[in-house]
Amino acid sequence: EQLAATKPGRLRLRSRGSYLVLRELHAWERDPEVLSACQKLIQVLIGDEPEEGMENLLEVTIPEELERRLREEEEEEEERRRRKER
């Protein structure tokens, strides 16, 4: 995740074929947490590059409302995983 936070890191990951490896891992992995991490990283790698000034994702300020909504969605996803495991 940290390597994908910066533009040079994302470019390096893309140039090394990381997306293909992640896609294959996602196809056979069964651990819900690993699957979730793969999905998030894949989205970062296949998405458009952030606009100028936002290349380092660790330094981007996220509006409070969006951050709250993302946190809620993450919690809901975690709850669905727990229910599914039972």
PDB file of N, CA and C in Angstrom:
ATOM      1  N   GLU A   1       0.810  -1.188   0.000  1.00  0.00           N
ATOM      2  CA  GLU A   1       0.000   0.000   0.000  1.00  0.00           C
ATOM      3  C   GLU A   1       0.853   1.252   0.000  1.00  0.00           C
ATOM      4  N   GLN A   2       1.888   1.278   0.810  1.00  0.00           N
ATOM      5  CA  GLN A   2       2.726   2.464   0.912  1.00  0.00           C
ATOM      6  C   GLN A   2       3.414   2.764  -0.421  1.00  0.00           C
ATOM      7  N   LEU A   3       3.869   1.740  -1.106  1.00  0.00           N
ATOM      8  CA  LEU A   3       4.531   1.939  -2.393  1.00  0.00           C
ATOM      9  C   LEU A   3       3.571   2.528  -3.412  1.00  0.00           C
ATOM     10  N   ALA A   4       2.319   2.162  -3.343  1.00  0.00           N
ATOM     11  CA  ALA A   4       1.322   2.667  -4.291  1.00  0.00           C
ATOM     12  C   ALA A   4       0.849   4.069  -3.937  1.00  0.00           C
ATOM     13  N   ALA A   5       1.305   4.616  -2.817  1.00  0.00           N
ATOM     14  CA  ALA A   5       0.852   5.939  -2.394  1.00  0.00           C
ATOM     15  C   ALA A   5       1.476   7.059  -3.212  1.00  0.00           C
ATOM     16  N   THR A   6       2.629   6.823  -3.804  1.00  0.00           N
ATOM     17  CA  THR A   6       3.303   7.872  -4.567  1.00  0.00           C
ATOM     18  C   THR A   6       3.291   7.550  -6.053  1.00  0.00           C
ATOM     19  N   LYS A   7       3.340   8.577  -6.859  1.00  0.00           N
ATOM     20  CA  LYS A   7       3.325   8.391  -8.309  1.00  0.00           C
ATOM     21  C   LYS A   7       4.503   7.524  -8.780  1.00  0.00           C
ATOM     22  N   PRO A   8       5.731   7.798  -8.342  1.00  0.00           N
ATOM     23  CA  PRO A   8       6.837   6.928  -8.775  1.00  0.00           C
ATOM     24  C   PRO A   8       6.624   5.462  -8.369  1.00  0.00           C
ATOM     25  N   GLY A   9       6.064   5.256  -7.182  1.00  0.00           N
ATOM     26  CA  GLY A   9       5.789   3.892  -6.725  1.00  0.00           C
ATOM     27  C   GLY A   9       4.747   3.214  -7.592  1.00  0.00           C
ATOM     28  N   ARG A  10       3.678   3.929  -7.923  1.00  0.00           N
ATOM     29  CA  ARG A  10       2.630   3.352  -8.781  1.00  0.00           C
ATOM     30  C   ARG A  10       3.181   3.031 -10.169  1.00  0.00           C
ATOM     31  N   LEU A  11       3.986   3.944 -10.706  1.00  0.00           N
ATOM     32  CA  LEU A  11       4.579   3.697 -12.027  1.00  0.00           C
ATOM     33  C   LEU A  11       5.469   2.459 -11.994  1.00  0.00           C
ATOM     34  N   ARG A  12       6.220   2.320 -10.932  1.00  0.00           N
ATOM     35  CA  ARG A  12       7.104   1.145 -10.797  1.00  0.00           C
ATOM     36  C   ARG A  12       6.286  -0.141 -10.698  1.00  0.00           C
ATOM     37  N   LEU A  13       5.246  -0.122  -9.890  1.00  0.00           N
ATOM     38  CA  LEU A  13       4.392  -1.307  -9.758  1.00  0.00           C
ATOM     39  C   LEU A  13       3.767  -1.680 -11.106  1.00  0.00           C
ATOM     40  N   ARG A  14       3.275  -0.685 -11.824  1.00  0.00           N
ATOM     41  CA  ARG A  14       2.663  -0.957 -13.138  1.00  0.00           C
ATOM     42  C   ARG A  14       3.685  -1.515 -14.114  1.00  0.00           C
ATOM     43  N   SER A  15       4.881  -0.934 -14.136  1.00  0.00           N
ATOM     44  CA  SER A  15       5.898  -1.357 -15.102  1.00  0.00           C
ATOM     45  C   SER A  15       6.402  -2.767 -14.844  1.00  0.00           C
ATOM     46  N   ARG A  16       6.227  -3.245 -13.632  1.00  0.00           N
ATOM     47  CA  ARG A  16       6.693  -4.595 -13.269  1.00  0.00           C
ATOM     48  C   ARG A  16       5.601  -5.654 -13.406  1.00  0.00           C
ATOM     49  N   GLY A  17       4.440  -5.287 -13.908  1.00  0.00           N
ATOM     50  CA  GLY A  17       3.374  -6.264 -14.109  1.00  0.00           C
ATOM     51  C   GLY A  17       2.652  -6.666 -12.835  1.00  0.00           C
ATOM     52  N   SER A  18       2.684  -5.802 -11.833  1.00  0.00           N
ATOM     53  CA  SER A  18       2.053  -6.129 -10.556  1.00  0.00           C
ATOM     54  C   SER A  18       0.558  -6.373 -10.681  1.00  0.00           C
ATOM     55  N   TYR A  19      -0.081  -5.656 -11.596  1.00  0.00           N
ATOM     56  CA  TYR A  19      -1.526  -5.838 -11.767  1.00  0.00           C
ATOM     57  C   TYR A  19      -1.844  -7.290 -12.130  1.00  0.00           C
ATOM     58  N   LEU A  20      -1.064  -7.874 -13.028  1.00  0.00           N
ATOM     59  CA  LEU A  20      -1.313  -9.263 -13.444  1.00  0.00           C
ATOM     60  C   LEU A  20      -1.172 -10.236 -12.273  1.00  0.00           C
ATOM     61  N   VAL A  21      -0.180  -9.999 -11.442  1.00  0.00           N
ATOM     62  CA  VAL A  21       0.026 -10.854 -10.265  1.00  0.00           C
ATOM     63  C   VAL A  21      -1.142 -10.697  -9.298  1.00  0.00           C
ATOM     64  N   LEU A  22      -1.549  -9.454  -9.050  1.00  0.00           N
ATOM     65  CA  LEU A  22      -2.677  -9.210  -8.147  1.00  0.00           C
ATOM     66  C   LEU A  22      -3.969  -9.815  -8.682  1.00  0.00           C
ATOM     67  N   ARG A  23      -4.157  -9.726  -9.988  1.00  0.00           N
ATOM     68  CA  ARG A  23      -5.369 -10.295 -10.597  1.00  0.00           C
ATOM     69  C   ARG A  23      -5.420 -11.803 -10.376  1.00  0.00           C
ATOM     70  N   GLU A  24      -4.290 -12.474 -10.544  1.00  0.00           N
ATOM     71  CA  GLU A  24      -4.232 -13.920 -10.329  1.00  0.00           C
ATOM     72  C   GLU A  24      -4.418 -14.267  -8.855  1.00  0.00           C
ATOM     73  N   LEU A  25      -3.793 -13.495  -7.990  1.00  0.00           N
ATOM     74  CA  LEU A  25      -3.958 -13.721  -6.552  1.00  0.00           C
ATOM     75  C   LEU A  25      -5.425 -13.574  -6.173  1.00  0.00           C
ATOM     76  N   HIS A  26      -6.056 -12.553  -6.698  1.00  0.00           N
ATOM     77  CA  HIS A  26      -7.465 -12.308  -6.402  1.00  0.00           C
ATOM     78  C   HIS A  26      -8.345 -13.469  -6.880  1.00  0.00           C
ATOM     79  N   ALA A  27      -7.939 -14.130  -7.951  1.00  0.00           N
ATOM     80  CA  ALA A  27      -8.731 -15.230  -8.515  1.00  0.00           C
ATOM     81  C   ALA A  27      -8.761 -16.461  -7.608  1.00  0.00           C
ATOM     82  N   TRP A  28      -7.708 -16.717  -6.866  1.00  0.00           N
ATOM     83  CA  TRP A  28      -7.694 -17.934  -6.044  1.00  0.00           C
ATOM     84  C   TRP A  28      -7.660 -17.688  -4.545  1.00  0.00           C
ATOM     85  N   GLU A  29      -7.375 -16.492  -4.115  1.00  0.00           N
ATOM     86  CA  GLU A  29      -7.292 -16.199  -2.680  1.00  0.00           C
ATOM     87  C   GLU A  29      -8.660 -16.328  -2.017  1.00  0.00           C
ATOM     88  N   ARG A  30      -8.698 -16.870  -0.801  1.00  0.00           N
ATOM     89  CA  ARG A  30      -9.951 -17.046  -0.077  1.00  0.00           C
ATOM     90  C   ARG A  30     -10.049 -16.189   1.179  1.00  0.00           C
ATOM     91  N   ASP A  31      -8.939 -15.665   1.641  1.00  0.00           N
ATOM     92  CA  ASP A  31      -8.954 -14.836   2.843  1.00  0.00           C
ATOM     93  C   ASP A  31      -9.607 -13.495   2.506  1.00  0.00           C
ATOM     94  N   PRO A  32     -10.713 -13.167   3.168  1.00  0.00           N
ATOM     95  CA  PRO A  32     -11.443 -11.932   2.853  1.00  0.00           C
ATOM     96  C   PRO A  32     -10.607 -10.662   3.009  1.00  0.00           C
ATOM     97  N   GLU A  33      -9.726 -10.625   3.990  1.00  0.00           N
ATOM     98  CA  GLU A  33      -8.899  -9.432   4.187  1.00  0.00           C
ATOM     99  C   GLU A  33      -7.888  -9.269   3.064  1.00  0.00           C
ATOM    100  N   VAL A  34      -7.319 -10.366   2.607  1.00  0.00           N
ATOM    101  CA  VAL A  34      -6.369 -10.306   1.492  1.00  0.00           C
ATOM    102  C   VAL A  34      -7.103  -9.910   0.215  1.00  0.00           C
ATOM    103  N   LEU A  35      -8.286 -10.471   0.007  1.00  0.00           N
ATOM    104  CA  LEU A  35      -9.088 -10.110  -1.165  1.00  0.00           C
ATOM    105  C   LEU A  35      -9.410  -8.620  -1.179  1.00  0.00           C
ATOM    106  N   SER A  36      -9.786  -8.101  -0.039  1.00  0.00           N
ATOM    107  CA  SER A  36     -10.109  -6.685   0.060  1.00  0.00           C
ATOM    108  C   SER A  36      -8.887  -5.820  -0.251  1.00  0.00           C
ATOM    109  N   ALA A  37      -7.746  -6.192   0.291  1.00  0.00           N
ATOM    110  CA  ALA A  37      -6.516  -5.439   0.029  1.00  0.00           C
ATOM    111  C   ALA A  37      -6.149  -5.499  -1.453  1.00  0.00           C
ATOM    112  N   CYS A  38      -6.308  -6.674  -2.069  1.00  0.00           N
ATOM    113  CA  CYS A  38      -6.041  -6.822  -3.506  1.00  0.00           C
ATOM    114  C   CYS A  38      -6.952  -5.912  -4.315  1.00  0.00           C
ATOM    115  N   GLN A  39      -8.220  -5.900  -3.993  1.00  0.00           N
ATOM    116  CA  GLN A  39      -9.176  -5.075  -4.727  1.00  0.00           C
ATOM    117  C   GLN A  39      -8.820  -3.600  -4.634  1.00  0.00           C
ATOM    118  N   LYS A  40      -8.455  -3.154  -3.460  1.00  0.00           N
ATOM    119  CA  LYS A  40      -8.112  -1.745  -3.271  1.00  0.00           C
ATOM    120  C   LYS A  40      -6.849  -1.376  -4.042  1.00  0.00           C
ATOM    121  N   LEU A  41      -5.852  -2.234  -3.985  1.00  0.00           N
ATOM    122  CA  LEU A  41      -4.607  -1.959  -4.698  1.00  0.00           C
ATOM    123  C   LEU A  41      -4.811  -2.005  -6.206  1.00  0.00           C
ATOM    124  N   ILE A  42      -5.610  -2.939  -6.671  1.00  0.00           N
ATOM    125  CA  ILE A  42      -5.923  -3.019  -8.102  1.00  0.00           C
ATOM    126  C   ILE A  42      -6.596  -1.728  -8.557  1.00  0.00           C
ATOM    127  N   GLN A  43      -7.521  -1.210  -7.754  1.00  0.00           N
ATOM    128  CA  GLN A  43      -8.195   0.044  -8.118  1.00  0.00           C
ATOM    129  C   GLN A  43      -7.206   1.197  -8.237  1.00  0.00           C
ATOM    130  N   VAL A  44      -6.229   1.235  -7.341  1.00  0.00           N
ATOM    131  CA  VAL A  44      -5.218   2.287  -7.405  1.00  0.00           C
ATOM    132  C   VAL A  44      -4.374   2.126  -8.669  1.00  0.00           C
ATOM    133  N   LEU A  45      -4.010   0.896  -9.008  1.00  0.00           N
ATOM    134  CA  LEU A  45      -3.138   0.666 -10.155  1.00  0.00           C
ATOM    135  C   LEU A  45      -3.834   0.877 -11.497  1.00  0.00           C
ATOM    136  N   ILE A  46      -5.118   0.553 -11.583  1.00  0.00           N
ATOM    137  CA  ILE A  46      -5.791   0.703 -12.876  1.00  0.00           C
ATOM    138  C   ILE A  46      -6.497   2.048 -13.022  1.00  0.00           C
ATOM    139  N   GLY A  47      -6.598   2.786 -11.932  1.00  0.00           N
ATOM    140  CA  GLY A  47      -7.268   4.081 -11.979  1.00  0.00           C
ATOM    141  C   GLY A  47      -6.410   5.147 -12.634  1.00  0.00           C
ATOM    142  N   ASP A  48      -7.036   6.254 -12.954  1.00  0.00           N
ATOM    143  CA  ASP A  48      -6.320   7.402 -13.496  1.00  0.00           C
ATOM    144  C   ASP A  48      -5.414   7.979 -12.426  1.00  0.00           C
ATOM    145  N   GLU A  49      -4.318   8.563 -12.867  1.00  0.00           N
ATOM    146  CA  GLU A  49      -3.419   9.226 -11.928  1.00  0.00           C
ATOM    147  C   GLU A  49      -4.107  10.461 -11.358  1.00  0.00           C
ATOM    148  N   PRO A  50      -3.896  10.719 -10.082  1.00  0.00           N
ATOM    149  CA  PRO A  50      -4.469  11.926  -9.471  1.00  0.00           C
ATOM    150  C   PRO A  50      -3.924  13.181 -10.150  1.00  0.00           C
ATOM    151  N   GLU A  51      -4.691  14.256 -10.024  1.00  0.00           N
ATOM    152  CA  GLU A  51      -4.275  15.514 -10.637  1.00  0.00           C
ATOM    153  C   GLU A  51      -2.994  16.033  -9.993  1.00  0.00           C
ATOM    154  N   GLU A  52      -2.357  16.971 -10.658  1.00  0.00           N
ATOM    155  CA  GLU A  52      -1.115  17.544 -10.168  1.00  0.00           C
ATOM    156  C   GLU A  52      -1.303  18.107  -8.756  1.00  0.00           C
ATOM    157  N   GLY A  53      -0.317  17.867  -7.931  1.00  0.00           N
ATOM    158  CA  GLY A  53      -0.388  18.307  -6.546  1.00  0.00           C
ATOM    159  C   GLY A  53      -0.984  17.262  -5.617  1.00  0.00           C
ATOM    160  N   MET A  54      -1.523  16.192  -6.182  1.00  0.00           N
ATOM    161  CA  MET A  54      -2.126  15.139  -5.363  1.00  0.00           C
ATOM    162  C   MET A  54      -1.464  13.788  -5.644  1.00  0.00           C
ATOM    163  N   GLU A  55      -0.260  13.825  -6.195  1.00  0.00           N
ATOM    164  CA  GLU A  55       0.419  12.595  -6.583  1.00  0.00           C
ATOM    165  C   GLU A  55       0.736  11.681  -5.403  1.00  0.00           C
ATOM    166  N   ASN A  56       0.990  12.276  -4.223  1.00  0.00           N
ATOM    167  CA  ASN A  56       1.264  11.478  -3.039  1.00  0.00           C
ATOM    168  C   ASN A  56      -0.046  11.310  -2.276  1.00  0.00           C
ATOM    169  N   LEU A  57      -0.626  10.141  -2.357  1.00  0.00           N
ATOM    170  CA  LEU A  57      -1.934   9.882  -1.761  1.00  0.00           C
ATOM    171  C   LEU A  57      -1.928   9.969  -0.237  1.00  0.00           C
ATOM    172  N   LEU A  58      -0.745   9.854   0.375  1.00  0.00           N
ATOM    173  CA  LEU A  58      -0.653   9.957   1.827  1.00  0.00           C
ATOM    174  C   LEU A  58      -0.805  11.397   2.297  1.00  0.00           C
ATOM    175  N   GLU A  59      -0.621  12.355   1.380  1.00  0.00           N
ATOM    176  CA  GLU A  59      -0.700  13.767   1.740  1.00  0.00           C
ATOM    177  C   GLU A  59      -2.005  14.426   1.314  1.00  0.00           C
ATOM    178  N   VAL A  60      -2.906  13.670   0.730  1.00  0.00           N
ATOM    179  CA  VAL A  60      -4.177  14.218   0.258  1.00  0.00           C
ATOM    180  C   VAL A  60      -5.120  14.399   1.446  1.00  0.00           C
ATOM    181  N   THR A  61      -5.728  15.571   1.526  1.00  0.00           N
ATOM    182  CA  THR A  61      -6.709  15.837   2.573  1.00  0.00           C
ATOM    183  C   THR A  61      -8.074  15.361   2.089  1.00  0.00           C
ATOM    184  N   ILE A  62      -8.681  14.494   2.872  1.00  0.00           N
ATOM    185  CA  ILE A  62      -9.990  13.943   2.529  1.00  0.00           C
ATOM    186  C   ILE A  62     -11.049  14.695   3.333  1.00  0.00           C
ATOM    187  N   PRO A  63     -12.074  15.206   2.666  1.00  0.00           N
ATOM    188  CA  PRO A  63     -13.133  15.897   3.404  1.00  0.00           C
ATOM    189  C   PRO A  63     -13.741  14.977   4.470  1.00  0.00           C
ATOM    190  N   GLU A  64     -14.094  15.559   5.608  1.00  0.00           N
ATOM    191  CA  GLU A  64     -14.597  14.776   6.740  1.00  0.00           C
ATOM    192  C   GLU A  64     -15.792  13.903   6.367  1.00  0.00           C
ATOM    193  N   GLU A  65     -16.738  14.454   5.607  1.00  0.00           N
ATOM    194  CA  GLU A  65     -17.933  13.695   5.224  1.00  0.00           C
ATOM    195  C   GLU A  65     -17.564  12.473   4.383  1.00  0.00           C
ATOM    196  N   LEU A  66     -16.656  12.647   3.445  1.00  0.00           N
ATOM    197  CA  LEU A  66     -16.225  11.526   2.601  1.00  0.00           C
ATOM    198  C   LEU A  66     -15.481  10.493   3.433  1.00  0.00           C
ATOM    199  N   GLU A  67     -14.620  10.962   4.318  1.00  0.00           N
ATOM    200  CA  GLU A  67     -13.878  10.043   5.183  1.00  0.00           C
ATOM    201  C   GLU A  67     -14.828   9.230   6.056  1.00  0.00           C
ATOM    202  N   ARG A  68     -15.851   9.895   6.610  1.00  0.00           N
ATOM    203  CA  ARG A  68     -16.834   9.196   7.439  1.00  0.00           C
ATOM    204  C   ARG A  68     -17.577   8.143   6.633  1.00  0.00           C
ATOM    205  N   ARG A  69     -17.983   8.514   5.414  1.00  0.00           N
ATOM    206  CA  ARG A  69     -18.721   7.580   4.561  1.00  0.00           C
ATOM    207  C   ARG A  69     -17.855   6.381   4.173  1.00  0.00           C
ATOM    208  N   LEU A  70     -16.591   6.632   3.841  1.00  0.00           N
ATOM    209  CA  LEU A  70     -15.686   5.539   3.493  1.00  0.00           C
ATOM    210  C   LEU A  70     -15.458   4.610   4.684  1.00  0.00           C
ATOM    211  N   ARG A  71     -15.332   5.199   5.869  1.00  0.00           N
ATOM    212  CA  ARG A  71     -15.142   4.391   7.076  1.00  0.00           C
ATOM    213  C   ARG A  71     -16.368   3.524   7.338  1.00  0.00           C
ATOM    214  N   GLU A  72     -17.550   4.095   7.148  1.00  0.00           N
ATOM    215  CA  GLU A  72     -18.787   3.328   7.332  1.00  0.00           C
ATOM    216  C   GLU A  72     -18.875   2.181   6.333  1.00  0.00           C
ATOM    217  N   GLU A  73     -18.524   2.447   5.092  1.00  0.00           N
ATOM    218  CA  GLU A  73     -18.555   1.394   4.075  1.00  0.00           C
ATOM    219  C   GLU A  73     -17.569   0.283   4.411  1.00  0.00           C
ATOM    220  N   GLU A  74     -16.412   0.665   4.918  1.00  0.00           N
ATOM    221  CA  GLU A  74     -15.407  -0.322   5.328  1.00  0.00           C
ATOM    222  C   GLU A  74     -15.939  -1.188   6.471  1.00  0.00           C
ATOM    223  N   GLU A  75     -16.598  -0.563   7.433  1.00  0.00           N
ATOM    224  CA  GLU A  75     -17.170  -1.304   8.557  1.00  0.00           C
ATOM    225  C   GLU A  75     -18.286  -2.241   8.090  1.00  0.00           C
ATOM    226  N   GLU A  76     -19.115  -1.780   7.159  1.00  0.00           N
ATOM    227  CA  GLU A  76     -20.182  -2.622   6.622  1.00  0.00           C
ATOM    228  C   GLU A  76     -19.604  -3.820   5.872  1.00  0.00           C
ATOM    229  N   GLU A  77     -18.549  -3.584   5.120  1.00  0.00           N
ATOM    230  CA  GLU A  77     -17.893  -4.679   4.398  1.00  0.00           C
ATOM    231  C   GLU A  77     -17.324  -5.700   5.370  1.00  0.00           C
ATOM    232  N   GLU A  78     -16.708  -5.215   6.435  1.00  0.00           N
ATOM    233  CA  GLU A  78     -16.150  -6.102   7.457  1.00  0.00           C
ATOM    234  C   GLU A  78     -17.251  -6.920   8.122  1.00  0.00           C
ATOM    235  N   GLU A  79     -18.384  -6.297   8.409  1.00  0.00           N
ATOM    236  CA  GLU A  79     -19.514  -7.004   9.024  1.00  0.00           C
ATOM    237  C   GLU A  79     -20.053  -8.081   8.081  1.00  0.00           C
ATOM    238  N   ARG A  80     -20.161  -7.776   6.801  1.00  0.00           N
ATOM    239  CA  ARG A  80     -20.622  -8.777   5.821  1.00  0.00           C
ATOM    240  C   ARG A  80     -19.660  -9.965   5.770  1.00  0.00           C
ATOM    241  N   ARG A  81     -18.361  -9.684   5.844  1.00  0.00           N
ATOM    242  CA  ARG A  81     -17.367 -10.761   5.850  1.00  0.00           C
ATOM    243  C   ARG A  81     -17.532 -11.647   7.066  1.00  0.00           C
ATOM    244  N   ARG A  82     -17.731 -11.029   8.226  1.00  0.00           N
ATOM    245  CA  ARG A  82     -17.909 -11.802   9.462  1.00  0.00           C
ATOM    246  C   ARG A  82     -19.138 -12.701   9.386  1.00  0.00           C
ATOM    247  N   ARG A  83     -20.236 -12.140   8.888  1.00  0.00           N
ATOM    248  CA  ARG A  83     -21.474 -12.933   8.770  1.00  0.00           C
ATOM    249  C   ARG A  83     -21.284 -14.083   7.804  1.00  0.00           C
ATOM    250  N   LYS A  84     -20.585 -13.843   6.731  1.00  0.00           N
ATOM    251  CA  LYS A  84     -20.362 -14.870   5.721  1.00  0.00           C
ATOM    252  C   LYS A  84     -19.505 -16.022   6.260  1.00  0.00           C
ATOM    253  N   GLU A  85     -18.559 -15.683   7.145  1.00  0.00           N
ATOM    254  CA  GLU A  85     -17.654 -16.685   7.712  1.00  0.00           C
ATOM    255  C   GLU A  85     -18.362 -17.619   8.692  1.00  0.00           C
ATOM    256  N   ARG A  86     -19.456 -17.179   9.259  1.00  0.00           N
ATOM    257  CA  ARG A  86     -20.166 -17.997  10.277  1.00  0.00           C
ATOM    258  C   ARG A  86     -20.871 -19.152   9.679  1.00  0.00           C
TER     259      ARG A  86
END
